[in-house]
Every structure is written in C-alpha cells, then in structure tokens.
Amino acid sequence: MSRTLRVPLFPLPGAILFPRSQLPLHIFEPRYREMVRDAIDGVGRIAMIQSHRLDDEMLVNAIAQVAPFDVGAKQALLEQQTLEGRADLLVQLMQFQRMAVTGGVEIEPTLQ
C-alpha cells in the first residue's frame, strides 16, 4: 500500500540545493518559523521550491559560463548563432569532459 508523504513547501527564489549538500538558512518570518517547528515535530523535512525556474537561455548560458572548459571551448559556445546550437555544443563538451575524467569508461548516470 502506497502512502503519500506531505511536506511543507518553502519558496526560496535563487537557491539551488544539490543532493547531500547543506544550505544554511536564516528563518525569521513567523509563518516559516512555524513551518520549521511543524517539520521537526512531523516528518523532519521541508521542500524548497523555486517560485520562478530559469528560462532555457539563462540556464544554458549560466552553465556555459561556469563550466570548467578551456578558453577555446567557451569561445566556441559564445560563437553559436542559436540557443539550440549552444545547448547542443554544451552537452557535447560535457560528455567529452566526463569521458576525459573517467578515462573513456562510460558510466551510467544515477539519480540520487
């Protein structure tokens, strides 16, 4: 029998939290302090949501900007005429980077 787990939602624009990482929070609004108390007394979890996901262009450009690629690769990304072209090249570069790091051994991605 499946059971639905209900957790409080905490809107936190601009915050990205990756698995097994920590995000220090300063909870000061009374309604959110109550939410935290309820979570501690209950399931011990809260869910954070983005009130507004980045658009495709901002996401691709942000990843391209911070990715650990050399200057030539970043220049090639910058020279792409379309967002689709930049996204495709970004994926190719990331796959190449992964192969370089793993020594050419294909590793199945996992969701955790």
PDB file of N, CA and C in Angstrom:
ATOM      1  N   MET A   1       0.835  -1.180   0.000  1.00  0.00           N
ATOM      2  CA  MET A   1       0.000   0.000   0.000  1.00  0.00           C
ATOM      3  C   MET A   1       0.882   1.247   0.000  1.00  0.00           C
ATOM      4  N   SER A   2       0.674   2.116  -0.947  1.00  0.00           N
ATOM      5  CA  SER A   2       1.465   3.332  -1.095  1.00  0.00           C
ATOM      6  C   SER A   2       0.918   4.419  -0.178  1.00  0.00           C
ATOM      7  N   ARG A   3       1.827   5.174   0.421  1.00  0.00           N
ATOM      8  CA  ARG A   3       1.446   6.257   1.310  1.00  0.00           C
ATOM      9  C   ARG A   3       1.992   7.573   0.769  1.00  0.00           C
ATOM     10  N   THR A   4       1.164   8.582   0.731  1.00  0.00           N
ATOM     11  CA  THR A   4       1.591   9.885   0.254  1.00  0.00           C
ATOM     12  C   THR A   4       2.272  10.634   1.394  1.00  0.00           C
ATOM     13  N   LEU A   5       3.468  11.130   1.127  1.00  0.00           N
ATOM     14  CA  LEU A   5       4.205  11.918   2.106  1.00  0.00           C
ATOM     15  C   LEU A   5       3.946  13.384   1.810  1.00  0.00           C
ATOM     16  N   ARG A   6       3.443  14.093   2.791  1.00  0.00           N
ATOM     17  CA  ARG A   6       3.175  15.513   2.632  1.00  0.00           C
ATOM     18  C   ARG A   6       4.219  16.286   3.428  1.00  0.00           C
ATOM     19  N   VAL A   7       4.842  17.256   2.764  1.00  0.00           N
ATOM     20  CA  VAL A   7       5.831  18.100   3.427  1.00  0.00           C
ATOM     21  C   VAL A   7       5.500  19.559   3.138  1.00  0.00           C
ATOM     22  N   PRO A   8       5.849  20.450   4.061  1.00  0.00           N
ATOM     23  CA  PRO A   8       5.611  21.878   3.824  1.00  0.00           C
ATOM     24  C   PRO A   8       6.504  22.395   2.699  1.00  0.00           C
ATOM     25  N   LEU A   9       6.003  23.370   1.939  1.00  0.00           N
ATOM     26  CA  LEU A   9       6.761  23.987   0.856  1.00  0.00           C
ATOM     27  C   LEU A   9       7.303  25.330   1.308  1.00  0.00           C
ATOM     28  N   PHE A  10       8.588  25.536   1.035  1.00  0.00           N
ATOM     29  CA  PHE A  10       9.265  26.773   1.411  1.00  0.00           C
ATOM     30  C   PHE A  10       9.751  27.446   0.130  1.00  0.00           C
ATOM     31  N   PRO A  11       9.096  28.524  -0.319  1.00  0.00           N
ATOM     32  CA  PRO A  11       9.537  29.195  -1.540  1.00  0.00           C
ATOM     33  C   PRO A  11      10.839  29.947  -1.279  1.00  0.00           C
ATOM     34  N   LEU A  12      11.865  29.628  -2.033  1.00  0.00           N
ATOM     35  CA  LEU A  12      13.170  30.241  -1.809  1.00  0.00           C
ATOM     36  C   LEU A  12      13.810  30.575  -3.155  1.00  0.00           C
ATOM     37  N   PRO A  13      13.437  31.715  -3.746  1.00  0.00           N
ATOM     38  CA  PRO A  13      13.948  32.081  -5.068  1.00  0.00           C
ATOM     39  C   PRO A  13      15.471  32.177  -5.082  1.00  0.00           C
ATOM     40  N   GLY A  14      16.068  31.642  -6.119  1.00  0.00           N
ATOM     41  CA  GLY A  14      17.503  31.755  -6.323  1.00  0.00           C
ATOM     42  C   GLY A  14      18.348  30.738  -5.596  1.00  0.00           C
ATOM     43  N   ALA A  15      17.745  29.891  -4.782  1.00  0.00           N
ATOM     44  CA  ALA A  15      18.510  28.889  -4.036  1.00  0.00           C
ATOM     45  C   ALA A  15      18.444  27.557  -4.768  1.00  0.00           C
ATOM     46  N   ILE A  16      19.592  26.959  -4.968  1.00  0.00           N
ATOM     47  CA  ILE A  16      19.682  25.644  -5.579  1.00  0.00           C
ATOM     48  C   ILE A  16      20.368  24.740  -4.574  1.00  0.00           C
ATOM     49  N   LEU A  17      19.748  23.633  -4.250  1.00  0.00           N
ATOM     50  CA  LEU A  17      20.302  22.707  -3.270  1.00  0.00           C
ATOM     51  C   LEU A  17      20.482  21.354  -3.926  1.00  0.00           C
ATOM     52  N   PHE A  18      21.704  20.891  -4.009  1.00  0.00           N
ATOM     53  CA  PHE A  18      22.003  19.607  -4.620  1.00  0.00           C
ATOM     54  C   PHE A  18      21.949  18.506  -3.569  1.00  0.00           C
ATOM     55  N   PRO A  19      21.756  17.249  -4.017  1.00  0.00           N
ATOM     56  CA  PRO A  19      21.673  16.128  -3.061  1.00  0.00           C
ATOM     57  C   PRO A  19      22.892  16.069  -2.142  1.00  0.00           C
ATOM     58  N   ARG A  20      22.645  15.720  -0.901  1.00  0.00           N
ATOM     59  CA  ARG A  20      23.662  15.567   0.146  1.00  0.00           C
ATOM     60  C   ARG A  20      24.482  16.845   0.376  1.00  0.00           C
ATOM     61  N   SER A  21      23.892  17.988   0.073  1.00  0.00           N
ATOM     62  CA  SER A  21      24.584  19.245   0.365  1.00  0.00           C
ATOM     63  C   SER A  21      23.777  20.003   1.421  1.00  0.00           C
ATOM     64  N   GLN A  22      24.371  21.041   1.949  1.00  0.00           N
ATOM     65  CA  GLN A  22      23.726  21.811   3.009  1.00  0.00           C
ATOM     66  C   GLN A  22      23.513  23.241   2.551  1.00  0.00           C
ATOM     67  N   LEU A  23      22.460  23.838   3.054  1.00  0.00           N
ATOM     68  CA  LEU A  23      22.157  25.226   2.759  1.00  0.00           C
ATOM     69  C   LEU A  23      21.741  25.907   4.057  1.00  0.00           C
ATOM     70  N   PRO A  24      22.650  26.682   4.648  1.00  0.00           N
ATOM     71  CA  PRO A  24      22.283  27.379   5.893  1.00  0.00           C
ATOM     72  C   PRO A  24      21.154  28.370   5.616  1.00  0.00           C
ATOM     73  N   LEU A  25      20.167  28.360   6.469  1.00  0.00           N
ATOM     74  CA  LEU A  25      19.023  29.253   6.303  1.00  0.00           C
ATOM     75  C   LEU A  25      18.850  30.122   7.546  1.00  0.00           C
ATOM     76  N   HIS A  26      18.431  31.343   7.329  1.00  0.00           N
ATOM     77  CA  HIS A  26      18.077  32.234   8.437  1.00  0.00           C
ATOM     78  C   HIS A  26      16.558  32.401   8.369  1.00  0.00           C
ATOM     79  N   ILE A  27      15.861  31.639   9.186  1.00  0.00           N
ATOM     80  CA  ILE A  27      14.405  31.643   9.178  1.00  0.00           C
ATOM     81  C   ILE A  27      13.940  32.660  10.215  1.00  0.00           C
ATOM     82  N   PHE A  28      13.308  33.726   9.762  1.00  0.00           N
ATOM     83  CA  PHE A  28      12.914  34.772  10.694  1.00  0.00           C
ATOM     84  C   PHE A  28      11.433  35.128  10.623  1.00  0.00           C
ATOM     85  N   GLU A  29      10.773  34.867   9.512  1.00  0.00           N
ATOM     86  CA  GLU A  29       9.349  35.183   9.435  1.00  0.00           C
ATOM     87  C   GLU A  29       8.564  34.191  10.284  1.00  0.00           C
ATOM     88  N   PRO A  30       7.598  34.684  11.068  1.00  0.00           N
ATOM     89  CA  PRO A  30       6.843  33.798  11.949  1.00  0.00           C
ATOM     90  C   PRO A  30       6.206  32.598  11.241  1.00  0.00           C
ATOM     91  N   ARG A  31       5.645  32.794  10.063  1.00  0.00           N
ATOM     92  CA  ARG A  31       4.999  31.673   9.373  1.00  0.00           C
ATOM     93  C   ARG A  31       5.997  30.592   8.987  1.00  0.00           C
ATOM     94  N   TYR A  32       7.228  30.982   8.620  1.00  0.00           N
ATOM     95  CA  TYR A  32       8.237  29.984   8.255  1.00  0.00           C
ATOM     96  C   TYR A  32       8.868  29.350   9.493  1.00  0.00           C
ATOM     97  N   ARG A  33       8.952  30.114  10.579  1.00  0.00           N
ATOM     98  CA  ARG A  33       9.425  29.526  11.846  1.00  0.00           C
ATOM     99  C   ARG A  33       8.438  28.447  12.305  1.00  0.00           C
ATOM    100  N   GLU A  34       7.147  28.717  12.150  1.00  0.00           N
ATOM    101  CA  GLU A  34       6.124  27.720  12.496  1.00  0.00           C
ATOM    102  C   GLU A  34       6.240  26.496  11.586  1.00  0.00           C
ATOM    103  N   MET A  35       6.506  26.731  10.298  1.00  0.00           N
ATOM    104  CA  MET A  35       6.667  25.632   9.349  1.00  0.00           C
ATOM    105  C   MET A  35       7.826  24.724   9.765  1.00  0.00           C
ATOM    106  N   VAL A  36       8.941  25.318  10.175  1.00  0.00           N
ATOM    107  CA  VAL A  36      10.101  24.542  10.607  1.00  0.00           C
ATOM    108  C   VAL A  36       9.766  23.739  11.867  1.00  0.00           C
ATOM    109  N   ARG A  37       9.074  24.372  12.813  1.00  0.00           N
ATOM    110  CA  ARG A  37       8.660  23.647  14.027  1.00  0.00           C
ATOM    111  C   ARG A  37       7.772  22.459  13.673  1.00  0.00           C
ATOM    112  N   ASP A  38       6.817  22.676  12.763  1.00  0.00           N
ATOM    113  CA  ASP A  38       5.933  21.589  12.337  1.00  0.00           C
ATOM    114  C   ASP A  38       6.721  20.465  11.674  1.00  0.00           C
ATOM    115  N   ALA A  39       7.723  20.823  10.861  1.00  0.00           N
ATOM    116  CA  ALA A  39       8.535  19.807  10.183  1.00  0.00           C
ATOM    117  C   ALA A  39       9.338  19.005  11.196  1.00  0.00           C
ATOM    118  N   ILE A  40       9.906  19.672  12.175  1.00  0.00           N
ATOM    119  CA  ILE A  40      10.684  18.981  13.210  1.00  0.00           C
ATOM    120  C   ILE A  40       9.791  18.033  14.003  1.00  0.00           C
ATOM    121  N   ASP A  41       8.577  18.484  14.321  1.00  0.00           N
ATOM    122  CA  ASP A  41       7.641  17.647  15.067  1.00  0.00           C
ATOM    123  C   ASP A  41       7.036  16.540  14.213  1.00  0.00           C
ATOM    124  N   GLY A  42       7.093  16.692  12.895  1.00  0.00           N
ATOM    125  CA  GLY A  42       6.472  15.720  11.986  1.00  0.00           C
ATOM    126  C   GLY A  42       7.502  14.863  11.279  1.00  0.00           C
ATOM    127  N   VAL A  43       7.527  14.968   9.943  1.00  0.00           N
ATOM    128  CA  VAL A  43       8.388  14.103   9.134  1.00  0.00           C
ATOM    129  C   VAL A  43       9.845  14.556   9.107  1.00  0.00           C
ATOM    130  N   GLY A  44      10.137  15.741   9.615  1.00  0.00           N
ATOM    131  CA  GLY A  44      11.522  16.211   9.662  1.00  0.00           C
ATOM    132  C   GLY A  44      12.034  16.727   8.338  1.00  0.00           C
ATOM    133  N   ARG A  45      11.120  17.087   7.443  1.00  0.00           N
ATOM    134  CA  ARG A  45      11.531  17.569   6.117  1.00  0.00           C
ATOM    135  C   ARG A  45      10.699  18.762   5.693  1.00  0.00           C
ATOM    136  N   ILE A  46      11.316  19.616   4.882  1.00  0.00           N
ATOM    137  CA  ILE A  46      10.591  20.650   4.161  1.00  0.00           C
ATOM    138  C   ILE A  46      11.064  20.559   2.722  1.00  0.00           C
ATOM    139  N   ALA A  47      10.242  21.026   1.808  1.00  0.00           N
ATOM    140  CA  ALA A  47      10.615  21.044   0.397  1.00  0.00           C
ATOM    141  C   ALA A  47      10.781  22.498  -0.027  1.00  0.00           C
ATOM    142  N   MET A  48      11.875  22.788  -0.715  1.00  0.00           N
ATOM    143  CA  MET A  48      12.092  24.138  -1.215  1.00  0.00           C
ATOM    144  C   MET A  48      11.728  24.159  -2.694  1.00  0.00           C
ATOM    145  N   ILE A  49      11.060  25.220  -3.092  1.00  0.00           N
ATOM    146  CA  ILE A  49      10.661  25.359  -4.492  1.00  0.00           C
ATOM    147  C   ILE A  49      11.136  26.701  -5.016  1.00  0.00           C
ATOM    148  N   GLN A  50      11.330  26.741  -6.312  1.00  0.00           N
ATOM    149  CA  GLN A  50      11.630  27.995  -6.995  1.00  0.00           C
ATOM    150  C   GLN A  50      10.315  28.607  -7.433  1.00  0.00           C
ATOM    151  N   SER A  51      10.082  29.819  -7.079  1.00  0.00           N
ATOM    152  CA  SER A  51       8.842  30.466  -7.497  1.00  0.00           C
ATOM    153  C   SER A  51       8.907  30.916  -8.952  1.00  0.00           C
ATOM    154  N   HIS A  52      10.125  30.850  -9.522  1.00  0.00           N
ATOM    155  CA  HIS A  52      10.269  31.200 -10.925  1.00  0.00           C
ATOM    156  C   HIS A  52      11.527  30.576 -11.471  1.00  0.00           C
ATOM    157  N   ARG A  53      11.579  28.821 -12.295  1.00  0.00           N
ATOM    158  CA  ARG A  53      12.601  28.014 -12.885  1.00  0.00           C
ATOM    159  C   ARG A  53      13.376  28.857 -13.727  1.00  0.00           C
ATOM    160  N   LEU A  54      14.721  29.014 -14.107  1.00  0.00           N
ATOM    161  CA  LEU A  54      15.345  29.880 -15.121  1.00  0.00           C
ATOM    162  C   LEU A  54      14.769  29.525 -16.480  1.00  0.00           C
ATOM    163  N   ASP A  55      14.782  30.574 -17.429  1.00  0.00           N
ATOM    164  CA  ASP A  55      14.364  30.200 -18.777  1.00  0.00           C
ATOM    165  C   ASP A  55      15.526  29.469 -19.450  1.00  0.00           C
ATOM    166  N   ASP A  56      15.260  28.833 -20.570  1.00  0.00           N
ATOM    167  CA  ASP A  56      16.264  27.996 -21.234  1.00  0.00           C
ATOM    168  C   ASP A  56      17.551  28.749 -21.540  1.00  0.00           C
ATOM    169  N   GLU A  57      17.425  29.964 -22.042  1.00  0.00           N
ATOM    170  CA  GLU A  57      18.619  30.721 -22.412  1.00  0.00           C
ATOM    171  C   GLU A  57      19.478  31.047 -21.196  1.00  0.00           C
ATOM    172  N   MET A  58      18.833  31.472 -20.103  1.00  0.00           N
ATOM    173  CA  MET A  58      19.597  31.792 -18.900  1.00  0.00           C
ATOM    174  C   MET A  58      20.283  30.552 -18.346  1.00  0.00           C
ATOM    175  N   LEU A  59      19.593  29.409 -18.381  1.00  0.00           N
ATOM    176  CA  LEU A  59      20.162  28.173 -17.864  1.00  0.00           C
ATOM    177  C   LEU A  59      21.375  27.737 -18.685  1.00  0.00           C
ATOM    178  N   VAL A  60      21.232  27.688 -20.013  1.00  0.00           N
ATOM    179  CA  VAL A  60      22.340  27.271 -20.882  1.00  0.00           C
ATOM    180  C   VAL A  60      23.521  28.217 -20.731  1.00  0.00           C
ATOM    181  N   ASN A  61      23.263  29.518 -20.728  1.00  0.00           N
ATOM    182  CA  ASN A  61      24.349  30.487 -20.607  1.00  0.00           C
ATOM    183  C   ASN A  61      25.041  30.412 -19.247  1.00  0.00           C
ATOM    184  N   ALA A  62      24.268  30.198 -18.180  1.00  0.00           N
ATOM    185  CA  ALA A  62      24.867  30.097 -16.844  1.00  0.00           C
ATOM    186  C   ALA A  62      25.767  28.872 -16.749  1.00  0.00           C
ATOM    187  N   ILE A  63      25.306  27.742 -17.275  1.00  0.00           N
ATOM    188  CA  ILE A  63      26.133  26.526 -17.240  1.00  0.00           C
ATOM    189  C   ILE A  63      27.381  26.724 -18.082  1.00  0.00           C
ATOM    190  N   ALA A  64      27.227  27.298 -19.268  1.00  0.00           N
ATOM    191  CA  ALA A  64      28.372  27.528 -20.152  1.00  0.00           C
ATOM    192  C   ALA A  64      29.401  28.440 -19.491  1.00  0.00           C
ATOM    193  N   GLN A  65      28.934  29.414 -18.753  1.00  0.00           N
ATOM    194  CA  GLN A  65      29.840  30.372 -18.122  1.00  0.00           C
ATOM    195  C   GLN A  65      30.651  29.749 -16.996  1.00  0.00           C
ATOM    196  N   VAL A  66      30.050  28.872 -16.202  1.00  0.00           N
ATOM    197  CA  VAL A  66      30.762  28.332 -15.040  1.00  0.00           C
ATOM    198  C   VAL A  66      31.393  26.966 -15.278  1.00  0.00           C
ATOM    199  N   ALA A  67      31.110  26.364 -16.414  1.00  0.00           N
ATOM    200  CA  ALA A  67      31.668  25.042 -16.711  1.00  0.00           C
ATOM    201  C   ALA A  67      33.194  25.113 -16.811  1.00  0.00           C
ATOM    202  N   PRO A  68      33.878  24.036 -16.395  1.00  0.00           N
ATOM    203  CA  PRO A  68      35.349  24.056 -16.389  1.00  0.00           C
ATOM    204  C   PRO A  68      35.954  23.750 -17.764  1.00  0.00           C
ATOM    205  N   PHE A  69      35.550  24.517 -18.777  1.00  0.00           N
ATOM    206  CA  PHE A  69      36.065  24.322 -20.124  1.00  0.00           C
ATOM    207  C   PHE A  69      37.186  25.322 -20.387  1.00  0.00           C
ATOM    208  N   ASP A  70      38.052  24.977 -21.345  1.00  0.00           N
ATOM    209  CA  ASP A  70      39.131  25.903 -21.682  1.00  0.00           C
ATOM    210  C   ASP A  70      38.574  27.076 -22.507  1.00  0.00           C
ATOM    211  N   VAL A  71      39.431  28.054 -22.748  1.00  0.00           N
ATOM    212  CA  VAL A  71      39.019  29.279 -23.440  1.00  0.00           C
ATOM    213  C   VAL A  71      38.491  28.982 -24.840  1.00  0.00           C
ATOM    214  N   GLY A  72      39.097  28.029 -25.538  1.00  0.00           N
ATOM    215  CA  GLY A  72      38.649  27.694 -26.884  1.00  0.00           C
ATOM    216  C   GLY A  72      37.235  27.136 -26.896  1.00  0.00           C
ATOM    217  N   ALA A  73      36.935  26.282 -25.941  1.00  0.00           N
ATOM    218  CA  ALA A  73      35.593  25.708 -25.858  1.00  0.00           C
ATOM    219  C   ALA A  73      34.570  26.785 -25.516  1.00  0.00           C
ATOM    220  N   LYS A  74      34.924  27.663 -24.589  1.00  0.00           N
ATOM    221  CA  LYS A  74      33.991  28.733 -24.218  1.00  0.00           C
ATOM    222  C   LYS A  74      33.786  29.700 -25.384  1.00  0.00           C
ATOM    223  N   GLN A  75      34.838  29.944 -26.155  1.00  0.00           N
ATOM    224  CA  GLN A  75      34.704  30.804 -27.338  1.00  0.00           C
ATOM    225  C   GLN A  75      33.774  30.148 -28.355  1.00  0.00           C
ATOM    226  N   ALA A  76      33.912  28.839 -28.535  1.00  0.00           N
ATOM    227  CA  ALA A  76      33.038  28.120 -29.464  1.00  0.00           C
ATOM    228  C   ALA A  76      31.578  28.208 -29.006  1.00  0.00           C
ATOM    229  N   LEU A  77      31.351  28.120 -27.708  1.00  0.00           N
ATOM    230  CA  LEU A  77      29.989  28.272 -27.183  1.00  0.00           C
ATOM    231  C   LEU A  77      29.457  29.675 -27.466  1.00  0.00           C
ATOM    232  N   LEU A  78      30.299  30.662 -27.244  1.00  0.00           N
ATOM    233  CA  LEU A  78      29.908  32.052 -27.453  1.00  0.00           C
ATOM    234  C   LEU A  78      29.571  32.326 -28.923  1.00  0.00           C
ATOM    235  N   GLU A  79      30.262  31.664 -29.833  1.00  0.00           N
ATOM    236  CA  GLU A  79      30.065  31.898 -31.260  1.00  0.00           C
ATOM    237  C   GLU A  79      28.841  31.196 -31.840  1.00  0.00           C
ATOM    238  N   GLN A  80      28.191  30.349 -31.075  1.00  0.00           N
ATOM    239  CA  GLN A  80      26.997  29.671 -31.584  1.00  0.00           C
ATOM    240  C   GLN A  80      25.920  30.704 -31.899  1.00  0.00           C
ATOM    241  N   GLN A  81      25.311  30.568 -33.050  1.00  0.00           N
ATOM    242  CA  GLN A  81      24.322  31.540 -33.513  1.00  0.00           C
ATOM    243  C   GLN A  81      22.953  31.378 -32.858  1.00  0.00           C
ATOM    244  N   THR A  82      22.639  30.154 -32.390  1.00  0.00           N
ATOM    245  CA  THR A  82      21.321  29.901 -31.816  1.00  0.00           C
ATOM    246  C   THR A  82      21.452  29.281 -30.432  1.00  0.00           C
ATOM    247  N   LEU A  83      20.407  29.393 -29.663  1.00  0.00           N
ATOM    248  CA  LEU A  83      20.375  28.766 -28.350  1.00  0.00           C
ATOM    249  C   LEU A  83      20.463  27.253 -28.484  1.00  0.00           C
ATOM    250  N   GLU A  84      19.764  26.698 -29.470  1.00  0.00           N
ATOM    251  CA  GLU A  84      19.815  25.246 -29.685  1.00  0.00           C
ATOM    252  C   GLU A  84      21.233  24.791 -30.000  1.00  0.00           C
ATOM    253  N   GLY A  85      21.941  25.549 -30.831  1.00  0.00           N
ATOM    254  CA  GLY A  85      23.328  25.217 -31.149  1.00  0.00           C
ATOM    255  C   GLY A  85      24.222  25.285 -29.931  1.00  0.00           C
ATOM    256  N   ARG A  86      24.035  26.316 -29.098  1.00  0.00           N
ATOM    257  CA  ARG A  86      24.845  26.450 -27.883  1.00  0.00           C
ATOM    258  C   ARG A  86      24.545  25.303 -26.923  1.00  0.00           C
ATOM    259  N   ALA A  87      23.266  24.946 -26.779  1.00  0.00           N
ATOM    260  CA  ALA A  87      22.882  23.852 -25.875  1.00  0.00           C
ATOM    261  C   ALA A  87      23.454  22.521 -26.361  1.00  0.00           C
ATOM    262  N   ASP A  88      23.372  22.268 -27.659  1.00  0.00           N
ATOM    263  CA  ASP A  88      23.920  21.018 -28.206  1.00  0.00           C
ATOM    264  C   ASP A  88      25.425  20.938 -27.996  1.00  0.00           C
ATOM    265  N   LEU A  89      26.134  22.033 -28.272  1.00  0.00           N
ATOM    266  CA  LEU A  89      27.578  22.042 -28.073  1.00  0.00           C
ATOM    267  C   LEU A  89      27.923  21.892 -26.596  1.00  0.00           C
ATOM    268  N   LEU A  90      27.157  22.514 -25.731  1.00  0.00           N
ATOM    269  CA  LEU A  90      27.380  22.395 -24.299  1.00  0.00           C
ATOM    270  C   LEU A  90      27.265  20.938 -23.848  1.00  0.00           C
ATOM    271  N   VAL A  91      26.251  20.245 -24.331  1.00  0.00           N
ATOM    272  CA  VAL A  91      26.088  18.824 -23.984  1.00  0.00           C
ATOM    273  C   VAL A  91      27.267  18.008 -24.508  1.00  0.00           C
ATOM    274  N   GLN A  92      27.688  18.262 -25.727  1.00  0.00           N
ATOM    275  CA  GLN A  92      28.837  17.539 -26.291  1.00  0.00           C
ATOM    276  C   GLN A  92      30.099  17.781 -25.475  1.00  0.00           C
ATOM    277  N   LEU A  93      30.337  19.016 -25.101  1.00  0.00           N
ATOM    278  CA  LEU A  93      31.525  19.329 -24.307  1.00  0.00           C
ATOM    279  C   LEU A  93      31.472  18.662 -22.930  1.00  0.00           C
ATOM    280  N   MET A  94      30.286  18.636 -22.341  1.00  0.00           N
ATOM    281  CA  MET A  94      30.138  17.982 -21.039  1.00  0.00           C
ATOM    282  C   MET A  94      30.368  16.475 -21.155  1.00  0.00           C
ATOM    283  N   GLN A  95      29.863  15.874 -22.222  1.00  0.00           N
ATOM    284  CA  GLN A  95      30.100  14.442 -22.430  1.00  0.00           C
ATOM    285  C   GLN A  95      31.579  14.162 -22.648  1.00  0.00           C
ATOM    286  N   PHE A  96      32.251  15.014 -23.415  1.00  0.00           N
ATOM    287  CA  PHE A  96      33.684  14.866 -23.644  1.00  0.00           C
ATOM    288  C   PHE A  96      34.444  15.003 -22.323  1.00  0.00           C
ATOM    289  N   GLN A  97      34.063  15.991 -21.530  1.00  0.00           N
ATOM    290  CA  GLN A  97      34.705  16.212 -20.224  1.00  0.00           C
ATOM    291  C   GLN A  97      34.528  14.986 -19.331  1.00  0.00           C
ATOM    292  N   ARG A  98      33.315  14.421 -19.316  1.00  0.00           N
ATOM    293  CA  ARG A  98      33.051  13.237 -18.498  1.00  0.00           C
ATOM    294  C   ARG A  98      33.904  12.067 -18.958  1.00  0.00           C
ATOM    295  N   MET A  99      34.037  11.881 -20.256  1.00  0.00           N
ATOM    296  CA  MET A  99      34.861  10.782 -20.781  1.00  0.00           C
ATOM    297  C   MET A  99      36.328  10.994 -20.422  1.00  0.00           C
ATOM    298  N   ALA A 100      36.778  12.238 -20.457  1.00  0.00           N
ATOM    299  CA  ALA A 100      38.162  12.528 -20.103  1.00  0.00           C
ATOM    300  C   ALA A 100      38.421  12.231 -18.631  1.00  0.00           C
ATOM    301  N   VAL A 101      37.460  12.561 -17.780  1.00  0.00           N
ATOM    302  CA  VAL A 101      37.611  12.355 -16.341  1.00  0.00           C
ATOM    303  C   VAL A 101      37.558  10.874 -15.984  1.00  0.00           C
ATOM    304  N   THR A 102      36.710  10.114 -16.682  1.00  0.00           N
ATOM    305  CA  THR A 102      36.544   8.692 -16.364  1.00  0.00           C
ATOM    306  C   THR A 102      37.498   7.809 -17.154  1.00  0.00           C
ATOM    307  N   GLY A 103      38.387   8.407 -17.919  1.00  0.00           N
ATOM    308  CA  GLY A 103      39.339   7.625 -18.697  1.00  0.00           C
ATOM    309  C   GLY A 103      38.700   6.867 -19.856  1.00  0.00           C
ATOM    310  N   GLY A 104      37.602   7.406 -20.375  1.00  0.00           N
ATOM    311  CA  GLY A 104      36.926   6.780 -21.514  1.00  0.00           C
ATOM    312  C   GLY A 104      35.946   5.695 -21.126  1.00  0.00           C
ATOM    313  N   VAL A 105      35.816   5.437 -19.836  1.00  0.00           N
ATOM    314  CA  VAL A 105      34.868   4.420 -19.381  1.00  0.00           C
ATOM    315  C   VAL A 105      33.500   5.069 -19.248  1.00  0.00           C
ATOM    316  N   GLU A 106      32.512   4.487 -19.935  1.00  0.00           N
ATOM    317  CA  GLU A 106      31.161   5.024 -19.869  1.00  0.00           C
ATOM    318  C   GLU A 106      30.542   4.663 -18.527  1.00  0.00           C
ATOM    319  N   ILE A 107      30.080   5.664 -17.801  1.00  0.00           N
ATOM    320  CA  ILE A 107      29.448   5.460 -16.508  1.00  0.00           C
ATOM    321  C   ILE A 107      27.988   5.822 -16.627  1.00  0.00           C
ATOM    322  N   GLU A 108      27.122   4.923 -16.196  1.00  0.00           N
ATOM    323  CA  GLU A 108      25.693   5.189 -16.230  1.00  0.00           C
ATOM    324  C   GLU A 108      25.355   6.281 -15.240  1.00  0.00           C
ATOM    325  N   PRO A 109      24.622   7.318 -15.656  1.00  0.00           N
ATOM    326  CA  PRO A 109      24.223   8.350 -14.706  1.00  0.00           C
ATOM    327  C   PRO A 109      23.213   7.792 -13.719  1.00  0.00           C
ATOM    328  N   THR A 110      23.249   8.305 -12.505  1.00  0.00           N
ATOM    329  CA  THR A 110      22.302   7.870 -11.491  1.00  0.00           C
ATOM    330  C   THR A 110      21.605   9.074 -10.882  1.00  0.00           C
ATOM    331  N   LEU A 111      20.385   8.886 -10.497  1.00  0.00           N
ATOM    332  CA  LEU A 111      19.662   9.918  -9.765  1.00  0.00           C
ATOM    333  C   LEU A 111      19.626   9.508  -8.316  1.00  0.00           C
ATOM    334  N   GLN A 112      20.065  10.393  -7.451  1.00  0.00           N
ATOM    335  CA  GLN A 112      20.090  10.070  -6.020  1.00  0.00           C
ATOM    336  C   GLN A 112      19.400  11.132  -5.229  1.00  0.00           C
TER     337      GLN A 112
END
